[in-house]
Amino acid sequence: MATVKITQTGSPIRRTKDQRATLIGLGLNKMHKTVELTDTPEVRGMIRKVQHMLSVEG
């Protein structure tokens, strides 16, 4: 399966609760933390929701 590498580059301070929950759902909770997830439509949708706070590779 294909994977996607996501790094949190933006702070969740002053963001809405659903954006904070999306970051936690992706496994991100601190600045510059990187996770590798399977590339599924669900993960892509979550990335799209908080794309202004992420850096995506792959």
C-alpha atoms as a PDB file:
ATOM      1  CA  MET A   1       0.000   0.000   0.000  1.00  0.00           C
ATOM      2  CA  ALA A   2       1.076   3.551  -0.676  1.00  0.00           C
ATOM      3  CA  THR A   3       1.926   5.769   2.277  1.00  0.00           C
ATOM      4  CA  VAL A   4       1.973   9.503   2.830  1.00  0.00           C
ATOM      5  CA  LYS A   5       4.345  11.349   5.174  1.00  0.00           C
ATOM      6  CA  ILE A   6       2.797  14.274   7.072  1.00  0.00           C
ATOM      7  CA  THR A   7       4.589  16.877   9.189  1.00  0.00           C
ATOM      8  CA  GLN A   8       2.787  19.420  11.347  1.00  0.00           C
ATOM      9  CA  THR A   9       4.107  22.903  10.535  1.00  0.00           C
ATOM     10  CA  GLY A  10       1.389  25.104  12.026  1.00  0.00           C
ATOM     11  CA  SER A  11       0.183  25.627  15.558  1.00  0.00           C
ATOM     12  CA  PRO A  12      -3.353  24.590  16.561  1.00  0.00           C
ATOM     13  CA  ILE A  13      -3.627  27.660  18.809  1.00  0.00           C
ATOM     14  CA  ARG A  14      -6.669  29.787  17.879  1.00  0.00           C
ATOM     15  CA  ARG A  15      -8.013  27.078  15.555  1.00  0.00           C
ATOM     16  CA  THR A  16     -11.467  25.571  15.707  1.00  0.00           C
ATOM     17  CA  LYS A  17     -12.134  22.456  17.765  1.00  0.00           C
ATOM     18  CA  ASP A  18     -12.765  20.335  14.695  1.00  0.00           C
ATOM     19  CA  GLN A  19      -9.380  21.285  13.206  1.00  0.00           C
ATOM     20  CA  ARG A  20      -7.648  20.375  16.471  1.00  0.00           C
ATOM     21  CA  ALA A  21      -9.516  17.065  16.540  1.00  0.00           C
ATOM     22  CA  THR A  22      -8.476  16.385  12.942  1.00  0.00           C
ATOM     23  CA  LEU A  23      -4.808  16.872  13.847  1.00  0.00           C
ATOM     24  CA  ILE A  24      -5.176  14.451  16.750  1.00  0.00           C
ATOM     25  CA  GLY A  25      -6.939  11.995  14.445  1.00  0.00           C
ATOM     26  CA  LEU A  26      -3.939  12.156  12.118  1.00  0.00           C
ATOM     27  CA  GLY A  27      -1.647  11.401  15.060  1.00  0.00           C
ATOM     28  CA  LEU A  28      -0.206  14.907  15.279  1.00  0.00           C
ATOM     29  CA  ASN A  29      -0.186  16.961  18.464  1.00  0.00           C
ATOM     30  CA  LYS A  30       3.117  18.865  18.497  1.00  0.00           C
ATOM     31  CA  MET A  31       4.921  21.141  16.072  1.00  0.00           C
ATOM     32  CA  HIS A  32       7.311  19.446  13.619  1.00  0.00           C
ATOM     33  CA  LYS A  33       6.060  15.954  14.501  1.00  0.00           C
ATOM     34  CA  THR A  34       6.031  13.587  11.519  1.00  0.00           C
ATOM     35  CA  VAL A  35       3.814  10.550  10.949  1.00  0.00           C
ATOM     36  CA  GLU A  36       3.514   8.107   8.078  1.00  0.00           C
ATOM     37  CA  LEU A  37      -0.014   6.932   7.229  1.00  0.00           C
ATOM     38  CA  THR A  38      -1.569   4.792   4.536  1.00  0.00           C
ATOM     39  CA  ASP A  39      -2.821   6.810   1.592  1.00  0.00           C
ATOM     40  CA  THR A  40      -6.603   6.397   1.757  1.00  0.00           C
ATOM     41  CA  PRO A  41      -9.432   8.750   0.744  1.00  0.00           C
ATOM     42  CA  GLU A  42     -10.277   9.256   4.427  1.00  0.00           C
ATOM     43  CA  VAL A  43      -6.738  10.359   5.287  1.00  0.00           C
ATOM     44  CA  ARG A  44      -6.629  12.611   2.198  1.00  0.00           C
ATOM     45  CA  GLY A  45      -9.853  14.289   3.349  1.00  0.00           C
ATOM     46  CA  MET A  46      -8.422  14.920   6.805  1.00  0.00           C
ATOM     47  CA  ILE A  47      -5.252  16.349   5.253  1.00  0.00           C
ATOM     48  CA  ARG A  48      -7.315  18.654   3.030  1.00  0.00           C
ATOM     49  CA  LYS A  49      -9.197  19.972   6.073  1.00  0.00           C
ATOM     50  CA  VAL A  50      -6.023  21.150   7.842  1.00  0.00           C
ATOM     51  CA  GLN A  51      -3.678  21.549   4.853  1.00  0.00           C
ATOM     52  CA  HIS A  52      -2.679  25.054   5.992  1.00  0.00           C
ATOM     53  CA  MET A  53      -0.980  23.483   9.062  1.00  0.00           C
ATOM     54  CA  LEU A  54       0.720  20.544   7.345  1.00  0.00           C
ATOM     55  CA  SER A  55       3.553  19.640   5.045  1.00  0.00           C
ATOM     56  CA  VAL A  56       2.823  16.538   2.924  1.00  0.00           C
ATOM     57  CA  GLU A  57       5.277  14.260   1.119  1.00  0.00           C
ATOM     58  CA  GLY A  58       4.394  11.316  -1.031  1.00  0.00           C
END
